[in-house]
N, C-alpha and C. Protein backbone atom coordinates (compact mmCIF):
# COMPACT_ATOMS: atom_id res chain seq x y z
N MET A 1 -75.53 26.18 88.19
CA MET A 1 -76.64 25.21 89.48
C MET A 1 -76.07 26.68 90.42
N LYS A 2 -77.77 26.61 90.94
CA LYS A 2 -77.86 27.45 91.32
C LYS A 2 -79.08 27.27 92.84
N LEU A 3 -78.04 27.38 94.00
CA LEU A 3 -78.86 27.27 95.39
C LEU A 3 -79.22 28.29 96.19
N SER A 4 -80.17 27.72 97.07
CA SER A 4 -80.30 29.23 98.30
C SER A 4 -80.85 28.45 98.94
N GLY A 5 -80.29 29.37 100.33
CA GLY A 5 -80.83 28.79 101.76
C GLY A 5 -81.30 30.27 102.91
N SER A 6 -82.10 29.89 103.53
CA SER A 6 -82.21 30.69 104.86
C SER A 6 -81.86 30.28 106.19
N TYR A 7 -81.31 30.71 106.75
CA TYR A 7 -81.54 30.12 108.66
C TYR A 7 -81.39 30.76 109.76
N GLU A 8 -82.23 30.90 110.35
CA GLU A 8 -82.20 31.59 112.13
C GLU A 8 -81.29 30.60 112.68
N PHE A 9 -80.56 31.88 113.59
CA PHE A 9 -79.98 31.40 114.37
C PHE A 9 -80.53 32.71 116.09
N ASN A 10 -80.13 32.29 117.07
CA ASN A 10 -80.91 32.49 118.27
C ASN A 10 -79.39 33.52 118.94
N ALA A 11 -78.55 33.98 117.99
CA ALA A 11 -77.56 35.49 118.37
C ALA A 11 -77.93 36.38 117.54
N SER A 12 -76.85 37.62 118.06
CA SER A 12 -77.02 38.53 117.37
C SER A 12 -75.91 38.63 116.30
N PRO A 13 -76.14 39.50 115.02
CA PRO A 13 -75.45 38.94 113.95
C PRO A 13 -73.84 39.43 114.13
N GLU A 14 -73.48 40.22 115.18
CA GLU A 14 -71.93 40.47 115.09
C GLU A 14 -71.37 38.58 116.30
N LYS A 15 -72.46 38.21 116.70
CA LYS A 15 -72.06 36.47 117.57
C LYS A 15 -71.96 35.41 115.82
N VAL A 16 -72.96 36.17 115.15
CA VAL A 16 -72.97 35.25 114.02
C VAL A 16 -72.09 35.11 113.44
N TRP A 17 -71.62 36.64 112.82
CA TRP A 17 -70.48 36.94 112.24
C TRP A 17 -69.55 36.42 112.06
N GLN A 18 -69.07 36.61 114.28
CA GLN A 18 -67.71 35.50 114.59
C GLN A 18 -67.63 34.17 114.25
N THR A 19 -69.09 33.23 114.48
CA THR A 19 -68.49 32.34 114.23
C THR A 19 -68.40 32.01 112.10
N LEU A 20 -69.26 32.47 111.72
CA LEU A 20 -69.44 32.72 110.36
C LEU A 20 -67.89 33.26 109.57
N THR A 21 -66.80 33.83 110.30
CA THR A 21 -65.68 34.02 109.58
C THR A 21 -64.40 33.27 110.52
N ASN A 22 -64.75 32.38 111.28
CA ASN A 22 -63.83 31.84 111.88
C ASN A 22 -63.34 30.39 111.34
N PRO A 23 -61.63 31.21 111.31
CA PRO A 23 -61.65 29.35 110.04
C PRO A 23 -62.40 28.03 111.22
N ASP A 24 -61.85 28.12 112.52
CA ASP A 24 -61.89 26.84 113.77
C ASP A 24 -63.45 26.32 113.20
N CYS A 25 -64.32 27.27 113.50
CA CYS A 25 -65.79 26.76 113.56
C CYS A 25 -66.44 26.60 112.17
N LEU A 26 -65.84 26.85 111.47
CA LEU A 26 -65.90 26.21 109.58
C LEU A 26 -65.25 25.38 109.70
N SER A 27 -63.99 25.16 109.89
CA SER A 27 -63.69 23.50 110.10
C SER A 27 -64.02 22.53 109.94
N THR A 28 -65.20 22.74 111.83
CA THR A 28 -65.54 21.69 112.10
C THR A 28 -66.55 21.49 111.68
N CYS A 29 -67.36 22.14 111.26
CA CYS A 29 -68.72 22.17 110.61
C CYS A 29 -68.89 21.30 109.19
N ILE A 30 -67.78 22.06 108.21
CA ILE A 30 -67.75 21.96 107.07
C ILE A 30 -67.55 20.18 106.82
N PRO A 31 -68.90 19.69 106.16
CA PRO A 31 -69.18 17.77 106.19
C PRO A 31 -67.92 17.47 105.73
N GLY A 32 -66.75 16.55 105.98
CA GLY A 32 -65.60 16.52 105.08
C GLY A 32 -64.24 17.15 105.66
N CYS A 33 -64.45 17.63 106.22
CA CYS A 33 -63.02 18.61 105.89
C CYS A 33 -61.82 18.15 106.94
N GLU A 34 -60.57 17.85 106.22
CA GLU A 34 -59.98 17.39 107.14
C GLU A 34 -58.88 18.54 107.45
N LYS A 35 -59.20 19.44 106.32
CA LYS A 35 -57.53 21.02 107.17
C LYS A 35 -58.39 21.98 106.95
N MET A 36 -58.08 22.71 107.40
CA MET A 36 -58.20 23.83 106.95
C MET A 36 -57.32 25.33 107.17
N GLU A 37 -56.29 26.17 106.73
CA GLU A 37 -55.43 26.94 107.04
C GLU A 37 -55.53 27.91 106.52
N ALA A 38 -55.27 29.03 107.35
CA ALA A 38 -54.73 30.53 106.23
C ALA A 38 -54.00 30.53 105.49
N ILE A 39 -54.38 30.84 104.46
CA ILE A 39 -52.98 31.01 103.81
C ILE A 39 -52.55 32.49 102.92
N GLY A 40 -53.81 33.82 103.62
CA GLY A 40 -53.86 35.42 103.22
C GLY A 40 -54.94 35.75 104.03
N ASP A 41 -54.92 37.04 104.00
CA ASP A 41 -56.30 37.62 104.28
C ASP A 41 -57.25 36.65 104.27
N ASN A 42 -57.56 36.33 104.61
CA ASN A 42 -59.62 35.38 104.58
C ASN A 42 -59.40 34.83 103.49
N GLU A 43 -58.03 33.90 103.19
CA GLU A 43 -58.15 33.26 102.38
C GLU A 43 -57.68 31.50 102.94
N TYR A 44 -58.29 30.95 102.44
CA TYR A 44 -58.15 29.81 103.26
C TYR A 44 -58.17 28.28 102.47
N ALA A 45 -56.53 27.28 102.88
CA ALA A 45 -56.57 26.17 102.07
C ALA A 45 -57.44 25.24 102.69
N ALA A 46 -58.11 24.70 102.01
CA ALA A 46 -58.79 23.56 103.01
C ALA A 46 -58.39 21.72 101.94
N THR A 47 -58.74 20.76 102.41
CA THR A 47 -59.06 19.21 102.29
C THR A 47 -60.04 18.89 102.46
N VAL A 48 -61.15 18.38 101.71
CA VAL A 48 -62.60 18.30 102.36
C VAL A 48 -62.51 16.80 101.79
N SER A 49 -62.79 15.69 102.17
CA SER A 49 -63.95 13.99 101.53
C SER A 49 -64.51 14.99 101.08
N ILE A 50 -65.57 13.55 100.17
CA ILE A 50 -66.85 13.81 99.79
C ILE A 50 -67.22 12.58 99.54
N ALA A 51 -68.06 12.21 99.67
CA ALA A 51 -68.50 10.58 98.98
C ALA A 51 -70.11 11.13 98.32
N MET A 52 -70.22 11.16 97.25
CA MET A 52 -71.95 11.22 96.98
C MET A 52 -72.13 9.98 95.65
N GLY A 53 -72.97 9.41 96.69
CA GLY A 53 -73.16 7.87 95.75
C GLY A 53 -71.83 7.14 95.40
N PRO A 54 -71.79 7.22 94.43
CA PRO A 54 -70.66 5.79 93.80
C PRO A 54 -69.01 6.88 94.01
N ILE A 55 -68.96 8.39 93.82
CA ILE A 55 -68.26 8.61 93.89
C ILE A 55 -67.55 9.59 95.37
N ARG A 56 -66.34 8.70 95.67
CA ARG A 56 -65.84 9.26 96.46
C ARG A 56 -64.39 9.28 96.05
N SER A 57 -64.29 10.73 96.75
CA SER A 57 -62.73 12.07 96.06
C SER A 57 -63.02 12.96 97.14
N LYS A 58 -61.43 13.55 96.94
CA LYS A 58 -61.02 14.34 98.36
C LYS A 58 -60.88 15.09 97.34
N PHE A 59 -61.22 16.55 98.28
CA PHE A 59 -60.67 18.16 96.94
C PHE A 59 -59.62 18.94 97.43
N ASP A 60 -58.69 19.95 96.99
CA ASP A 60 -58.15 20.43 98.22
C ASP A 60 -58.62 21.85 97.02
N ALA A 61 -59.42 22.76 98.16
CA ALA A 61 -59.47 24.18 97.77
C ALA A 61 -59.22 25.23 98.08
N ARG A 62 -59.36 26.44 98.06
CA ARG A 62 -59.34 27.59 97.66
C ARG A 62 -60.42 27.90 98.36
N VAL A 63 -60.33 28.82 99.30
CA VAL A 63 -61.67 29.76 99.94
C VAL A 63 -61.31 30.85 99.98
N LYS A 64 -62.03 31.88 99.16
CA LYS A 64 -61.99 33.34 100.29
C LYS A 64 -62.82 34.18 100.07
N MET A 65 -62.51 34.81 101.36
CA MET A 65 -64.01 35.87 101.81
C MET A 65 -63.95 36.90 101.31
N LEU A 66 -64.47 37.89 100.17
CA LEU A 66 -64.84 39.12 99.91
C LEU A 66 -65.98 39.84 100.05
N ASP A 67 -65.16 41.04 100.00
CA ASP A 67 -66.72 42.37 100.03
C ASP A 67 -67.16 41.93 101.27
N LEU A 68 -66.27 42.05 102.54
CA LEU A 68 -66.45 41.51 104.00
C LEU A 68 -67.57 43.29 104.44
N LYS A 69 -68.37 42.85 104.92
CA LYS A 69 -69.01 44.08 105.34
C LYS A 69 -69.32 43.66 107.40
N PRO A 70 -68.82 44.24 107.99
CA PRO A 70 -68.67 42.85 108.93
C PRO A 70 -70.21 42.89 109.28
N HIS A 71 -70.71 41.78 110.01
CA HIS A 71 -71.84 42.05 110.51
C HIS A 71 -73.20 41.88 109.62
N LYS A 72 -72.67 42.14 108.01
CA LYS A 72 -73.76 41.97 107.41
C LYS A 72 -73.91 41.61 106.20
N PHE A 73 -73.06 41.20 105.63
CA PHE A 73 -73.07 40.36 104.31
C PHE A 73 -70.77 40.36 103.80
N TYR A 74 -70.30 39.26 103.20
CA TYR A 74 -69.39 38.99 102.92
C TYR A 74 -69.96 37.49 101.48
N ARG A 75 -69.05 38.00 100.65
CA ARG A 75 -69.22 36.89 99.03
C ARG A 75 -68.05 35.45 99.62
N LEU A 76 -68.41 34.28 99.37
CA LEU A 76 -67.71 33.73 99.59
C LEU A 76 -67.53 32.48 98.24
N SER A 77 -66.01 32.86 97.92
CA SER A 77 -65.92 32.14 96.71
C SER A 77 -64.79 30.74 97.13
N ILE A 78 -65.21 29.74 96.33
CA ILE A 78 -64.43 28.39 96.57
C ILE A 78 -63.93 27.82 94.86
N GLU A 79 -62.85 26.80 95.16
CA GLU A 79 -62.81 26.39 94.11
C GLU A 79 -61.80 25.49 94.38
N GLY A 80 -62.40 23.61 94.11
CA GLY A 80 -61.89 22.90 94.21
C GLY A 80 -61.35 21.50 92.98
N LYS A 81 -60.72 21.45 93.36
CA LYS A 81 -59.72 20.06 92.29
C LYS A 81 -58.92 18.84 92.71
N GLY A 82 -59.74 17.73 92.27
CA GLY A 82 -59.76 16.46 93.08
C GLY A 82 -59.58 15.47 91.90
N PRO A 83 -59.27 13.99 92.11
CA PRO A 83 -59.63 12.72 91.07
C PRO A 83 -60.40 12.62 90.24
N SER A 84 -61.41 13.10 90.81
CA SER A 84 -62.79 13.20 90.12
C SER A 84 -63.70 14.65 89.48
N GLY A 85 -63.07 15.44 89.26
CA GLY A 85 -63.30 17.07 88.98
C GLY A 85 -62.76 17.99 89.53
N PHE A 86 -63.52 19.01 89.08
CA PHE A 86 -63.43 20.40 89.64
C PHE A 86 -64.87 21.23 90.21
N ILE A 87 -64.72 22.33 91.46
CA ILE A 87 -65.93 22.59 91.38
C ILE A 87 -65.46 24.04 91.62
N LYS A 88 -66.26 24.83 91.18
CA LYS A 88 -66.00 26.29 91.58
C LYS A 88 -67.49 26.93 92.19
N GLY A 89 -67.64 27.97 93.33
CA GLY A 89 -68.51 28.41 93.02
C GLY A 89 -68.22 29.46 94.05
N GLU A 90 -69.59 30.68 94.15
CA GLU A 90 -69.51 31.89 94.69
C GLU A 90 -70.83 31.71 95.70
N SER A 91 -70.84 32.93 96.52
CA SER A 91 -72.02 32.33 97.90
C SER A 91 -71.96 33.70 98.49
N ASP A 92 -73.32 34.24 97.94
CA ASP A 92 -73.12 35.42 98.56
C ASP A 92 -74.38 35.11 99.79
N VAL A 93 -73.31 35.45 101.46
CA VAL A 93 -73.84 35.62 102.30
C VAL A 93 -74.55 36.58 103.31
N GLU A 94 -75.36 36.89 104.17
CA GLU A 94 -76.43 38.24 104.41
C GLU A 94 -76.90 38.10 105.44
N LEU A 95 -76.61 38.31 106.58
CA LEU A 95 -76.73 38.29 108.47
C LEU A 95 -78.60 39.36 108.33
N THR A 96 -79.30 39.79 108.66
CA THR A 96 -80.26 40.61 109.09
C THR A 96 -81.07 39.98 110.57
N GLU A 97 -81.29 41.18 111.42
CA GLU A 97 -80.77 40.87 112.28
C GLU A 97 -82.61 41.72 112.87
N ASP A 98 -83.01 40.72 113.78
CA ASP A 98 -84.98 40.74 113.79
C ASP A 98 -84.72 39.86 115.20
N ASN A 99 -85.53 41.35 116.06
CA ASN A 99 -86.21 41.04 117.68
C ASN A 99 -84.77 39.85 118.13
N GLY A 100 -83.48 40.35 117.66
CA GLY A 100 -82.72 39.94 118.90
C GLY A 100 -81.96 38.39 118.33
N LYS A 101 -82.70 37.79 117.17
CA LYS A 101 -82.37 36.68 116.09
C LYS A 101 -81.32 37.17 114.75
N THR A 102 -80.59 36.28 114.43
CA THR A 102 -79.82 36.47 113.45
C THR A 102 -80.65 35.53 112.09
N THR A 103 -80.84 36.18 110.73
CA THR A 103 -81.48 35.02 109.66
C THR A 103 -79.65 35.33 108.90
N VAL A 104 -79.58 34.42 108.41
CA VAL A 104 -78.50 34.16 107.67
C VAL A 104 -79.35 33.93 106.11
N SER A 105 -79.18 34.26 105.28
CA SER A 105 -79.32 34.09 103.54
C SER A 105 -78.47 33.84 103.21
N VAL A 106 -78.46 33.07 102.19
CA VAL A 106 -77.06 32.52 101.13
C VAL A 106 -77.69 31.87 99.88
N GLU A 107 -77.26 32.48 99.05
CA GLU A 107 -77.31 32.78 97.78
C GLU A 107 -76.16 31.76 97.25
N SER A 108 -75.73 30.61 96.09
CA SER A 108 -75.39 29.97 95.59
C SER A 108 -75.22 29.98 93.86
N GLU A 109 -74.20 30.36 93.28
CA GLU A 109 -74.04 29.68 92.17
C GLU A 109 -72.67 29.03 91.27
N SER A 110 -72.11 27.56 91.42
CA SER A 110 -71.47 27.57 91.00
C SER A 110 -71.66 25.97 90.16
N SER A 111 -70.41 25.95 89.62
CA SER A 111 -70.22 24.42 88.26
C SER A 111 -69.19 23.40 88.42
N SER A 112 -69.31 22.31 88.30
CA SER A 112 -68.37 21.14 88.64
C SER A 112 -68.24 20.69 86.99
N GLY A 113 -66.94 20.16 86.75
CA GLY A 113 -66.89 18.98 85.62
C GLY A 113 -66.28 17.64 86.23
N GLY A 114 -65.87 17.12 85.48
CA GLY A 114 -65.28 16.03 85.50
C GLY A 114 -65.97 14.97 85.66
N LEU A 115 -66.21 13.86 86.30
CA LEU A 115 -66.84 12.67 86.49
C LEU A 115 -67.88 13.29 87.28
N LEU A 116 -67.82 14.59 88.34
CA LEU A 116 -68.91 15.11 89.24
C LEU A 116 -69.97 15.62 88.09
N ALA A 117 -69.58 16.21 87.31
CA ALA A 117 -70.18 16.84 86.74
C ALA A 117 -70.90 15.92 85.89
N ARG A 118 -70.68 14.56 85.43
CA ARG A 118 -71.80 13.42 84.70
C ARG A 118 -72.14 12.23 85.62
N VAL A 119 -72.37 12.58 87.09
CA VAL A 119 -73.28 12.26 87.73
C VAL A 119 -74.35 12.46 87.96
N GLY A 120 -75.24 13.96 87.61
CA GLY A 120 -76.35 14.26 87.35
C GLY A 120 -76.48 15.63 88.12
N GLN A 121 -77.32 16.72 87.20
CA GLN A 121 -77.14 17.71 88.39
C GLN A 121 -78.14 17.61 88.81
N ARG A 122 -79.75 16.43 89.01
CA ARG A 122 -80.55 16.52 90.17
C ARG A 122 -79.90 16.09 91.63
N MET A 123 -78.86 14.61 91.38
CA MET A 123 -78.01 14.87 92.23
C MET A 123 -77.22 15.42 92.48
N ILE A 124 -76.86 16.23 92.50
CA ILE A 124 -75.43 17.14 92.22
C ILE A 124 -76.20 18.71 93.61
N GLU A 125 -77.55 18.32 93.00
CA GLU A 125 -78.16 19.52 93.70
C GLU A 125 -78.83 19.08 94.92
N SER A 126 -79.24 17.98 94.90
CA SER A 126 -79.84 17.60 96.15
C SER A 126 -78.17 17.69 97.30
N PHE A 127 -77.15 16.46 96.85
CA PHE A 127 -76.22 16.21 97.54
C PHE A 127 -75.84 18.08 98.26
N ALA A 128 -75.45 18.97 97.45
CA ALA A 128 -75.00 20.51 97.63
C ALA A 128 -75.97 21.16 98.78
N LYS A 129 -77.83 21.04 98.46
CA LYS A 129 -78.12 21.25 99.78
C LYS A 129 -78.17 21.01 100.62
N SER A 130 -77.65 19.48 101.19
CA SER A 130 -77.79 18.70 102.18
C SER A 130 -76.34 18.95 103.07
N MET A 131 -74.86 19.24 101.88
CA MET A 131 -74.18 19.46 102.53
C MET A 131 -74.51 21.11 103.51
N MET A 132 -75.29 21.71 102.13
CA MET A 132 -75.03 23.21 103.09
C MET A 132 -76.13 23.05 104.31
N ASP A 133 -77.44 22.72 104.62
CA ASP A 133 -78.21 22.55 105.29
C ASP A 133 -77.41 21.89 106.68
N ARG A 134 -76.45 21.27 106.48
CA ARG A 134 -75.32 20.30 107.42
C ARG A 134 -74.57 21.43 108.53
N PHE A 135 -74.15 21.35 107.20
CA PHE A 135 -72.88 22.87 108.08
C PHE A 135 -74.20 23.88 108.84
N PHE A 136 -74.79 24.59 108.05
CA PHE A 136 -75.69 25.13 109.45
C PHE A 136 -75.71 25.03 110.31
N THR A 137 -76.50 23.90 110.42
CA THR A 137 -77.60 22.61 111.23
C THR A 137 -76.37 22.58 112.55
N CYS A 138 -75.04 22.62 111.65
CA CYS A 138 -73.60 22.39 112.99
C CYS A 138 -74.01 23.69 113.72
N LEU A 139 -73.58 24.45 112.73
CA LEU A 139 -72.73 25.87 113.41
C LEU A 139 -73.73 26.48 114.63
N GLN A 140 -75.45 25.98 113.85
CA GLN A 140 -76.45 26.45 115.06
C GLN A 140 -76.10 25.98 116.48
N LYS A 141 -76.13 24.58 116.52
CA LYS A 141 -75.58 24.10 117.40
C LYS A 141 -74.68 23.93 118.19
N SER A 142 -73.74 24.91 117.42
CA SER A 142 -72.42 25.21 117.80
C SER A 142 -72.83 26.23 118.79
N MET A 143 -73.65 27.41 118.72
CA MET A 143 -73.62 28.73 119.23
C MET A 143 -74.29 28.41 120.36
N LYS A 144 -74.81 27.29 120.91
CA LYS A 144 -76.07 27.19 121.73
C LYS A 144 -75.00 27.04 123.20
């Protein structure tokens, strides 16, 4: 599944970068995140609960930030497993400045298996887009 989005922040790329790479900010804004702790350089273990239609599940995930180019770009890699299946994905996160504002563009590709995959691609896409929008809306509000 491919997913993309673009989000504007009324802040400099440096400020947005600090927020996007701060595990405390991330854990506060990831919908359903119960905990997120560092397990290495730019690598985290997270526990996330989701409710998608009839499926309610908790996932243990590993999150890695790769190819960091401060204030400009990084790649986010996520692998999660839970009773209802698994999810794997990568997102390219790019920051662009324009007149004191920063646009964050996200291009993601992911796959899932188990009960999650049987729910249907359309429902998963809609759910994932909603989660991404909620996450970035929370980050935007946290920076005001």
